[in-house]
Amino acid sequence: MVNKAIEMAITVLGSQQKLADACGVKQPSVWAWLHGKKKASPENAKSIEIVTKGKVPAYQVRPDLTGLFPHPEQAA
């Protein structure tokens, strides 16, 4: 199962390696996030939001962390 948010972040930045560099992790970590082997940390979820200029919001990277990253439609 491919993580669509991570896939979009890779597309925005151009490669798994570029996303890894932007988040300060190694490329195999990005591969693991993409393929659901690991979850991006909350810090990395926020980094992804920043480096994609909001195109991939943290709440999409970690939808399980609604306390940290509430969905905008549910935050109101």
Protein backbone atom coordinates (compact mmCIF):
# COMPACT_ATOMS: atom_id res chain seq x y z
CA MET A 1 0.00 0.00 0.00
CA VAL A 2 1.55 3.26 -1.14
CA ASN A 3 1.23 6.29 1.13
CA LYS A 4 -0.32 8.90 -1.18
CA ALA A 5 0.87 11.87 0.91
CA ILE A 6 4.48 10.69 0.79
CA GLU A 7 4.12 9.91 -2.92
CA MET A 8 2.91 13.48 -3.51
CA ALA A 9 5.80 14.93 -1.47
CA ILE A 10 8.27 12.91 -3.58
CA THR A 11 6.58 14.22 -6.74
CA VAL A 12 6.73 17.83 -5.50
CA LEU A 13 10.42 17.63 -4.57
CA GLY A 14 11.46 15.40 -7.47
CA SER A 15 12.85 12.27 -5.81
CA GLN A 16 12.96 10.17 -2.65
CA GLN A 17 16.53 11.40 -2.10
CA LYS A 18 15.51 15.07 -2.30
CA LEU A 19 12.71 14.48 0.22
CA ALA A 20 15.14 12.61 2.48
CA ASP A 21 17.67 15.46 2.28
CA ALA A 22 14.97 18.05 3.01
CA CYS A 23 13.84 16.12 6.10
CA GLY A 24 17.32 15.22 7.32
CA VAL A 25 16.81 11.47 6.96
CA LYS A 26 18.27 8.78 4.72
CA GLN A 27 16.53 7.74 1.49
CA PRO A 28 15.58 4.26 2.81
CA SER A 29 13.47 5.99 5.47
CA VAL A 30 11.50 7.78 2.76
CA TRP A 31 11.06 4.45 0.94
CA ALA A 32 9.75 2.91 4.17
CA TRP A 33 7.28 5.79 4.65
CA LEU A 34 6.15 5.47 1.04
CA HIS A 35 5.49 1.74 1.34
CA GLY A 36 3.94 1.84 4.82
CA LYS A 37 6.83 0.06 6.53
CA LYS A 38 7.35 3.01 8.91
CA LYS A 39 5.47 6.20 9.73
CA ALA A 40 7.10 9.59 9.41
CA SER A 41 7.73 11.11 12.83
CA PRO A 42 5.63 14.13 13.80
CA GLU A 43 8.71 16.30 13.21
CA ASN A 44 9.16 14.84 9.73
CA ALA A 45 5.46 15.24 8.96
CA LYS A 46 5.82 18.96 9.75
CA SER A 47 9.04 19.14 7.71
CA ILE A 48 7.24 17.62 4.73
CA GLU A 49 4.52 20.26 5.03
CA ILE A 50 7.17 23.01 5.10
CA VAL A 51 9.38 21.73 2.26
CA THR A 52 6.36 21.13 0.00
CA LYS A 53 5.14 24.68 0.81
CA GLY A 54 1.90 23.29 2.20
CA LYS A 55 1.08 21.11 -0.83
CA VAL A 56 1.36 18.06 1.44
CA PRO A 57 -0.02 19.06 4.86
CA ALA A 58 1.15 17.26 7.99
CA TYR A 59 -2.37 16.01 8.69
CA GLN A 60 -2.23 14.03 5.42
CA VAL A 61 1.18 12.56 6.25
CA ARG A 62 0.04 11.49 9.75
CA PRO A 63 -3.77 11.33 9.75
CA ASP A 64 -3.54 9.25 12.93
CA LEU A 65 -2.22 12.26 14.89
CA THR A 66 -5.36 14.39 14.91
CA GLY A 67 -4.34 15.97 18.23
CA LEU A 68 -1.13 17.34 16.70
CA PHE A 69 -2.32 17.84 13.13
CA PRO A 70 -6.09 18.37 13.07
CA HIS A 71 -7.83 18.22 9.72
CA PRO A 72 -8.81 21.80 8.84
CA GLU A 73 -12.46 20.85 8.37
CA GLN A 74 -12.54 19.21 11.81
CA ALA A 75 -10.54 21.91 13.61
CA ALA A 76 -13.36 24.45 13.58
